[in-house]
Protein backbone atom coordinates (compact mmCIF):
# COMPACT_ATOMS: atom_id res chain seq x y z
CA UNK A 1 11.93 51.00 -21.16
CA UNK A 2 13.01 47.43 -20.40
CA UNK A 3 12.79 48.08 -16.66
CA UNK A 4 9.23 49.36 -17.05
CA UNK A 5 8.29 46.29 -19.08
CA UNK A 6 9.76 43.99 -16.43
CA UNK A 7 7.88 45.81 -13.64
CA UNK A 8 4.62 45.57 -15.57
CA UNK A 9 5.12 41.83 -16.08
CA UNK A 10 5.65 41.27 -12.36
CA UNK A 11 2.54 43.27 -11.50
CA UNK A 12 0.52 41.26 -14.02
CA UNK A 13 1.69 37.94 -12.52
CA UNK A 14 0.76 39.18 -9.05
CA UNK A 15 -2.70 40.23 -10.22
CA UNK A 16 -3.37 36.87 -11.89
CA UNK A 17 -2.27 35.01 -8.76
CA UNK A 18 -4.52 37.12 -6.52
CA UNK A 19 -7.48 36.78 -8.90
CA UNK A 20 -7.12 33.03 -8.88
CA UNK A 21 -7.23 33.02 -5.10
CA UNK A 22 -10.44 35.07 -5.11
CA UNK A 23 -12.32 33.01 -7.71
CA UNK A 24 -11.32 29.51 -6.68
CA UNK A 25 -11.59 29.90 -2.90
CA UNK A 26 -9.14 29.80 -0.05
CA UNK A 27 -8.11 27.41 2.67
CA UNK A 28 -6.55 28.85 5.78
CA UNK A 29 -4.52 27.16 8.53
CA UNK A 30 -3.38 26.16 10.96
CA UNK A 31 -1.51 23.14 9.64
CA UNK A 32 0.42 20.34 11.28
CA UNK A 33 4.21 20.70 11.37
CA UNK A 34 5.68 18.45 8.72
CA UNK A 35 8.41 15.88 9.30
CA UNK A 36 12.03 16.48 8.35
CA UNK A 37 11.82 14.54 5.08
CA UNK A 38 8.47 16.04 4.02
CA UNK A 39 8.01 18.75 1.32
CA UNK A 40 11.54 18.70 -0.11
CA UNK A 41 12.07 19.80 -3.69
CA UNK A 42 14.84 20.07 -6.29
CA UNK A 43 14.96 22.57 -9.16
CA UNK A 44 17.01 23.30 -12.25
CA UNK A 45 16.75 26.25 -14.61
CA UNK A 46 18.43 28.19 -17.35
CA UNK A 47 18.09 31.63 -18.88
CA UNK A 48 19.90 34.92 -19.24
CA UNK A 49 21.73 37.38 -16.98
CA UNK A 50 23.26 40.82 -17.24
CA UNK A 51 25.27 43.22 -15.06
CA UNK A 52 24.49 46.71 -13.77
CA UNK A 53 27.95 48.14 -13.00
CA UNK A 54 29.33 51.66 -13.15
CA UNK A 55 29.39 51.88 -16.98
CA UNK A 56 27.56 48.71 -18.03
CA UNK A 57 24.37 50.47 -19.06
CA UNK A 58 26.27 52.32 -21.78
CA UNK A 59 26.56 49.06 -23.72
CA UNK A 60 23.60 47.72 -25.72
CA UNK A 61 21.41 45.31 -23.82
CA UNK A 62 22.00 42.41 -26.22
CA UNK A 63 25.79 42.77 -25.81
CA UNK A 64 25.44 42.46 -22.04
CA UNK A 65 23.30 39.29 -22.03
CA UNK A 66 25.05 36.02 -21.10
CA UNK A 67 23.74 32.52 -20.29
CA UNK A 68 22.62 31.72 -16.76
CA UNK A 69 22.02 28.41 -14.95
CA UNK A 70 20.86 27.55 -11.47
CA UNK A 71 20.31 24.43 -9.35
CA UNK A 72 18.33 24.43 -6.11
CA UNK A 73 17.50 22.12 -3.21
CA UNK A 74 14.92 23.25 -0.69
CA UNK A 75 12.12 22.48 1.72
CA UNK A 76 8.79 24.07 2.61
CA UNK A 77 8.55 24.33 6.38
CA UNK A 78 5.01 25.73 6.38
CA UNK A 79 2.63 26.50 3.49
CA UNK A 80 3.99 30.07 3.50
CA UNK A 81 7.65 29.74 4.55
CA UNK A 82 10.40 27.73 2.90
CA UNK A 83 14.19 27.61 2.62
CA UNK A 84 16.48 26.58 -0.18
CA UNK A 85 20.13 26.45 -1.22
CA UNK A 86 20.87 27.53 -4.78
CA UNK A 87 23.96 27.33 -6.96
CA UNK A 88 23.93 29.69 -9.96
CA UNK A 89 26.12 31.65 -12.31
CA UNK A 90 28.07 31.10 -15.56
CA UNK A 91 29.63 34.09 -17.37
CA UNK A 92 29.12 37.86 -17.18
CA UNK A 93 29.82 40.80 -19.53
CA UNK A 94 30.22 44.47 -18.72
CA UNK A 95 32.12 47.72 -19.42
CA UNK A 96 35.00 49.41 -17.70
CA UNK A 97 36.81 52.71 -18.23
CA UNK A 98 39.94 51.39 -16.56
CA UNK A 99 42.31 49.67 -19.03
CA UNK A 100 44.05 47.96 -16.10
CA UNK A 101 40.88 46.21 -14.88
CA UNK A 102 41.42 42.48 -14.34
CA UNK A 103 38.80 41.10 -16.73
CA UNK A 104 39.31 43.38 -19.78
CA UNK A 105 38.65 41.85 -23.22
CA UNK A 106 39.27 44.87 -25.49
CA UNK A 107 37.86 48.26 -26.58
CA UNK A 108 34.07 48.62 -26.68
CA UNK A 109 32.19 49.47 -29.87
CA UNK A 110 29.25 50.87 -27.89
CA UNK A 111 31.12 53.25 -25.61
CA UNK A 112 34.13 55.33 -26.79
CA UNK A 113 36.86 55.13 -24.18
CA UNK A 114 35.33 52.03 -22.56
CA UNK A 115 36.62 48.50 -22.50
CA UNK A 116 34.62 45.30 -22.66
CA UNK A 117 35.05 42.94 -19.77
CA UNK A 118 34.09 39.27 -19.42
CA UNK A 119 34.57 36.85 -16.53
CA UNK A 120 33.19 33.65 -15.01
CA UNK A 121 31.43 33.56 -11.68
CA UNK A 122 29.17 31.52 -9.43
CA UNK A 123 27.01 32.30 -6.44
CA UNK A 124 26.13 29.77 -3.73
CA UNK A 125 23.43 31.16 -1.47
CA UNK A 126 20.75 30.18 1.01
CA UNK A 127 17.30 31.79 0.60
CA UNK A 128 14.32 32.38 2.81
CA UNK A 129 11.18 32.09 0.67
CA UNK A 130 7.75 33.59 1.34
CA UNK A 131 4.75 32.18 -0.52
CA UNK A 132 2.53 35.25 -0.78
CA UNK A 133 -0.21 33.30 -2.58
CA UNK A 134 -0.63 30.91 0.36
CA UNK A 135 -0.33 33.76 2.86
CA UNK A 136 -3.00 35.94 1.27
CA UNK A 137 -5.22 33.39 -0.42
CA UNK A 138 -4.86 30.52 2.03
CA UNK A 139 -3.07 27.24 1.43
CA UNK A 140 -4.26 25.18 -1.51
CA UNK A 141 -2.21 22.27 -2.77
CA UNK A 142 -3.86 22.38 -6.20
CA UNK A 143 -3.27 26.12 -6.84
CA UNK A 144 -2.00 26.63 -10.40
CA UNK A 145 0.06 29.81 -9.96
CA UNK A 146 2.04 30.84 -6.89
CA UNK A 147 3.92 34.09 -6.27
CA UNK A 148 7.06 33.63 -4.08
CA UNK A 149 9.56 36.41 -3.27
CA UNK A 150 12.80 35.38 -1.58
CA UNK A 151 15.83 36.89 0.15
CA UNK A 152 19.18 35.20 0.76
CA UNK A 153 22.85 35.49 1.60
CA UNK A 154 25.79 33.46 0.38
CA UNK A 155 29.22 33.24 -1.18
CA UNK A 156 30.12 34.56 -4.67
CA UNK A 157 33.30 33.97 -6.66
CA UNK A 158 34.49 35.69 -9.88
CA UNK A 159 37.51 34.56 -11.89
CA UNK A 160 39.07 34.32 -15.31
CA UNK A 161 41.61 31.90 -16.65
CA UNK A 162 45.22 32.93 -15.92
CA UNK A 163 44.00 36.11 -14.16
CA UNK A 164 44.72 36.78 -10.49
CA UNK A 165 43.48 37.48 -7.93
CA UNK A 166 40.26 35.48 -7.70
CA UNK A 167 37.53 37.57 -6.06
CA UNK A 168 35.64 35.86 -3.24
CA UNK A 169 32.85 37.95 -1.77
CA UNK A 170 29.88 37.71 0.55
CA UNK A 171 26.70 38.10 -1.45
CA UNK A 172 23.08 39.01 -0.99
CA UNK A 173 20.32 37.73 -3.26
CA UNK A 174 16.80 39.06 -3.71
CA UNK A 175 14.25 37.85 -6.22
CA UNK A 176 10.87 36.57 -7.22
CA UNK A 177 9.87 32.98 -8.07
CA UNK A 178 6.68 32.35 -10.02
CA UNK A 179 5.64 28.68 -9.71
CA UNK A 180 3.17 27.14 -12.17
CA UNK A 181 1.78 23.75 -11.13
CA UNK A 182 1.93 21.09 -13.87
CA UNK A 183 1.20 18.09 -11.63
CA UNK A 184 1.45 17.23 -7.94
CA UNK A 185 5.11 16.33 -8.50
CA UNK A 186 6.29 18.86 -11.13
CA UNK A 187 6.19 22.66 -11.31
CA UNK A 188 7.27 25.06 -14.06
CA UNK A 189 9.30 28.01 -12.71
CA UNK A 190 9.88 31.57 -13.90
CA UNK A 191 12.49 33.23 -11.67
CA UNK A 192 13.91 36.75 -11.58
CA UNK A 193 16.70 37.58 -9.13
CA UNK A 194 19.43 40.11 -8.40
CA UNK A 195 22.86 39.40 -6.92
CA UNK A 196 24.46 42.16 -4.82
CA UNK A 197 28.23 41.95 -4.21
CA UNK A 198 31.20 44.18 -3.48
CA UNK A 199 32.13 46.74 -6.17
CA UNK A 200 35.45 44.95 -6.87
CA UNK A 201 33.67 41.75 -7.98
CA UNK A 202 34.07 42.66 -11.69
CA UNK A 203 37.84 43.24 -11.41
CA UNK A 204 38.03 46.94 -10.62
CA UNK A 205 36.71 49.32 -7.97
CA UNK A 206 35.80 52.99 -8.18
CA UNK A 207 33.98 53.46 -4.90
CA UNK A 208 30.38 52.75 -5.84
CA UNK A 209 30.34 50.04 -3.16
CA UNK A 210 27.83 47.60 -4.70
CA UNK A 211 27.84 45.61 -7.95
CA UNK A 212 24.47 44.33 -9.22
CA UNK A 213 23.98 41.23 -11.38
CA UNK A 214 20.48 40.36 -12.60
CA UNK A 215 19.27 36.98 -13.93
CA UNK A 216 16.01 35.70 -15.42
CA UNK A 217 15.60 31.92 -15.72
CA UNK A 218 12.95 29.33 -16.45
CA UNK A 219 13.06 25.73 -15.28
CA UNK A 220 11.33 22.89 -13.50
CA UNK A 221 10.89 21.73 -9.92
CA UNK A 222 10.37 18.17 -8.72
CA UNK A 223 8.57 17.84 -5.39
CA UNK A 224 9.54 14.79 -3.36
CA UNK A 225 6.96 12.88 -1.32
CA UNK A 226 5.43 13.63 1.09
CA UNK A 227 3.94 16.68 -0.66
CA UNK A 228 1.62 19.20 0.91
CA UNK A 229 0.48 19.89 4.46
CA UNK A 230 -2.17 18.29 6.66
CA UNK A 231 -4.71 20.55 8.27
CA UNK A 232 -4.98 20.48 12.03
CA UNK A 233 -8.35 19.13 13.15
CA UNK A 234 -9.64 20.08 16.58
CA UNK A 235 -10.28 16.89 18.58
CA UNK A 236 -13.95 16.21 19.28
CA UNK A 237 -14.64 15.12 22.90
CA UNK A 238 -15.77 11.53 23.02
CA UNK A 239 -19.27 10.63 24.18
CA UNK A 240 -18.82 7.64 26.47
CA UNK A 241 -22.56 7.15 27.15
CA UNK A 242 -22.95 4.19 24.73
CA UNK A 243 -19.84 2.56 26.19
CA UNK A 244 -21.06 3.06 29.76
CA UNK A 245 -24.42 1.52 28.83
CA UNK A 246 -22.64 -1.40 27.20
CA UNK A 247 -20.46 -1.89 30.27
CA UNK A 248 -23.51 -1.84 32.56
CA UNK A 249 -25.22 -4.43 30.34
CA UNK A 250 -22.12 -6.65 30.39
CA UNK A 251 -21.86 -6.36 34.17
CA UNK A 252 -25.50 -7.48 34.48
CA UNK A 253 -24.82 -10.43 32.19
CA UNK A 254 -21.79 -11.38 34.29
CA UNK A 255 -23.89 -11.22 37.48
CA UNK A 256 -26.56 -13.45 35.86
CA UNK A 257 -23.88 -15.86 34.70
CA UNK A 258 -22.41 -16.00 38.22
CA UNK A 259 -25.87 -16.77 39.62
CA UNK A 260 -26.37 -19.56 37.08
CA UNK A 261 -22.92 -20.92 37.82
CA UNK A 262 -23.77 -20.98 41.54
CA UNK A 263 -26.99 -22.89 40.86
CA UNK A 264 -25.15 -25.36 38.61
CA UNK A 265 -22.57 -25.91 41.34
CA UNK A 266 -25.36 -26.57 43.87
CA UNK A 267 -27.11 -28.98 41.49
CA UNK A 268 -23.83 -30.75 40.80
CA UNK A 269 -23.17 -31.22 44.52
CA UNK A 270 -26.67 -32.63 44.97
CA UNK A 271 -26.15 -35.07 42.10
CA UNK A 272 -22.83 -36.17 43.57
CA UNK A 273 -24.55 -36.99 46.86
CA UNK A 274 -27.11 -39.26 45.18
CA UNK A 275 -26.61 -43.01 45.28
CA UNK A 276 -25.50 -44.48 41.95
CA UNK A 277 -28.19 -46.07 39.84
CA UNK A 278 -27.59 -49.31 38.01
CA UNK A 279 -28.54 -49.00 34.38
CA UNK A 280 -29.12 -52.18 32.52
CA UNK A 281 -28.58 -52.25 28.80
CA UNK A 282 -29.40 -55.26 26.70
CA UNK A 283 -27.62 -55.65 23.37
CA UNK A 284 -28.66 -58.41 20.99
CA UNK A 285 -25.92 -59.91 18.90
CA UNK A 286 -26.51 -62.74 16.42
CA UNK A 287 -23.53 -65.05 16.11
CA UNK A 288 -22.57 -66.14 12.60
CA UNK A 289 -24.26 -69.34 11.41
CA UNK A 290 -23.71 -71.63 8.43
CA UNK A 291 -26.41 -73.31 6.33
CA UNK A 292 -25.01 -76.29 4.36
CA UNK A 293 -26.54 -77.59 1.13
CA UNK A 294 -26.24 -80.88 -0.79
CA UNK A 295 -24.43 -80.82 -4.10
CA UNK A 296 -26.22 -78.80 -6.78
CA UNK A 297 -29.05 -77.94 -4.30
CA UNK A 298 -30.40 -74.63 -2.95
CA UNK A 299 -33.50 -75.78 -1.04
CA UNK A 300 -33.66 -75.28 2.71
CA UNK A 301 -34.54 -78.20 5.03
CA UNK A 302 -36.78 -78.02 8.07
CA UNK A 303 -33.71 -78.08 10.31
CA UNK A 304 -32.31 -75.13 8.38
CA UNK A 305 -35.54 -73.18 8.89
CA UNK A 306 -35.45 -73.84 12.64
CA UNK A 307 -31.91 -72.36 12.83
CA UNK A 308 -32.91 -69.44 10.62
CA UNK A 309 -35.97 -68.73 12.77
CA UNK A 310 -33.83 -68.40 15.90
CA UNK A 311 -31.32 -66.26 13.99
CA UNK A 312 -34.12 -64.03 12.65
CA UNK A 313 -35.38 -63.17 16.17
CA UNK A 314 -31.97 -61.89 17.19
CA UNK A 315 -31.52 -59.95 13.93
CA UNK A 316 -34.84 -58.14 14.42
CA UNK A 317 -34.00 -57.17 18.00
CA UNK A 318 -30.47 -56.01 17.25
CA UNK A 319 -31.39 -53.62 14.44
CA UNK A 320 -27.99 -54.29 12.81
CA UNK A 321 -27.21 -55.25 9.23
CA UNK A 322 -26.01 -58.75 8.33
CA UNK A 323 -24.43 -60.27 5.24
CA UNK A 324 -25.73 -63.42 3.50
CA UNK A 325 -22.67 -64.93 1.75
CA UNK A 326 -23.56 -67.69 -0.77
CA UNK A 327 -20.78 -70.11 -1.92
CA UNK A 328 -20.25 -73.25 -4.06
CA UNK A 329 -17.31 -75.65 -4.22
CA UNK A 330 -15.02 -75.41 -7.19
CA UNK A 331 -14.46 -79.14 -7.22
CA UNK A 332 -17.70 -79.62 -9.16
CA UNK A 333 -19.48 -77.71 -11.90
CA UNK A 334 -18.00 -74.66 -13.59
CA UNK A 335 -17.78 -70.99 -12.75
CA UNK A 336 -21.05 -69.98 -14.40
CA UNK A 337 -23.02 -72.81 -12.77
CA UNK A 338 -21.39 -72.25 -9.40
CA UNK A 339 -22.08 -68.49 -9.48
CA UNK A 340 -25.80 -69.12 -10.15
CA UNK A 341 -25.90 -71.86 -7.52
CA UNK A 342 -24.34 -69.58 -4.88
CA UNK A 343 -26.85 -66.84 -5.80
CA UNK A 344 -29.81 -69.24 -5.49
CA UNK A 345 -28.62 -70.50 -2.09
CA UNK A 346 -28.18 -66.93 -0.77
CA UNK A 347 -31.63 -65.93 -2.13
CA UNK A 348 -33.25 -68.97 -0.44
CA UNK A 349 -31.92 -67.83 2.92
CA UNK A 350 -32.88 -64.17 2.21
CA UNK A 351 -36.47 -65.13 1.25
CA UNK A 352 -36.89 -67.29 4.35
CA UNK A 353 -35.65 -64.53 6.67
CA UNK A 354 -37.78 -61.82 5.05
CA UNK A 355 -40.94 -63.58 3.94
CA UNK A 356 -41.21 -66.32 6.60
CA UNK A 357 -39.65 -64.72 9.68
CA UNK A 358 -40.31 -61.01 9.04
CA UNK A 359 -36.77 -59.61 8.98
CA UNK A 360 -36.52 -56.05 7.58
CA UNK A 361 -34.89 -56.32 4.09
CA UNK A 362 -32.74 -53.23 4.88
CA UNK A 363 -30.94 -55.36 7.54
CA UNK A 364 -29.76 -57.91 4.96
CA UNK A 365 -27.12 -57.78 2.23
CA UNK A 366 -27.01 -60.67 -0.28
CA UNK A 367 -23.58 -61.52 -1.70
CA UNK A 368 -23.00 -64.40 -4.17
CA UNK A 369 -19.37 -65.54 -4.23
CA UNK A 370 -19.64 -68.52 -6.65
CA UNK A 371 -16.67 -70.80 -6.16
CA UNK A 372 -14.25 -67.91 -5.56
CA UNK A 373 -14.85 -68.00 -1.84
CA UNK A 374 -14.22 -71.34 -0.14
CA UNK A 375 -14.39 -70.71 3.60
CA UNK A 376 -13.59 -74.33 4.50
CA UNK A 377 -11.01 -76.91 3.39
CA UNK A 378 -13.44 -79.59 2.16
CA UNK A 379 -15.67 -79.34 -0.93
CA UNK A 380 -18.72 -80.67 0.90
CA UNK A 381 -18.40 -77.85 3.46
CA UNK A 382 -18.07 -75.11 0.82
CA UNK A 383 -21.65 -75.71 -0.45
CA UNK A 384 -22.78 -73.23 2.14
CA UNK A 385 -24.46 -69.91 3.00
CA UNK A 386 -22.89 -68.03 5.89
CA UNK A 387 -24.78 -65.33 7.81
CA UNK A 388 -22.67 -62.84 9.73
């Protein structure tokens, strides 16, 4: 009954996987070969296991169940083919009719004349995995359920404390892995597998030849980056027509540039052969002048106006800007009086240049220094306006 239930479960999982492929679509290859460090994964699981030996089925199923663990490291080479190494095992229970068997525990309550046996074992094996879901339905990285049978060979070892010999046997493993995608990095696994070893693996041999150990585990897989496979894309031949047109246009531009360069070289040679021309440039520069005033005076004399008239002509021709610096001597008056006096003297010169001689006001800058600026070493000379 239990075997029929297990078979029905496997058929149901297969049907769900195939139905998902049909409803959600398929993606077929070919795919690029991945690099060595691509598509690696690591798995861990735990569950139950039981033995099918010569007399084991005479014991109740619950008395034959023992814990099972497994750890795996593997790599998908293509979307359909992968390899892995798995370490699994723990303990195993069974029945024997031979009281001298190595792993005997005591008489069995389930089988008169039988003896219970218990031993530890592990199986280290390498598996070749075939992803039927990707083979039939096409590769899809986001598929939720995948159906993966596998077949492997390895090394199995059974032992019990203080019992000799230790049995070391070649092993064969066959099974089915159902992978449920939780995220791109993590899968949930349901795995059913059978271990086939020599008949003496459980401590006694009666000629059956093969001992079968079955395990059912659940666990998780972590998929290392890079995950998945890249589809091969057929190269599209390049259309070089635009590039050829661009090259032809550039070649024409280069030819035009060469022609212009030749003309420029000819014009340059002609210019070099010309006699040099003398170019005259006249620059008007007004030299600084000083207008002196009597004490406490800011009125210009006729002589001052003559000098300012000559200065104004040069200023107008030069187009430059000039400063009108008004000063007073600190030997007389006070700072307030001297500041006003220097301002009046500078304004008298400014008004004469602008209003009498027609100088552009933008060419003049009036600066009153009071008695803070004494350009000369005598008081009488510091009652002055300097234009520069």
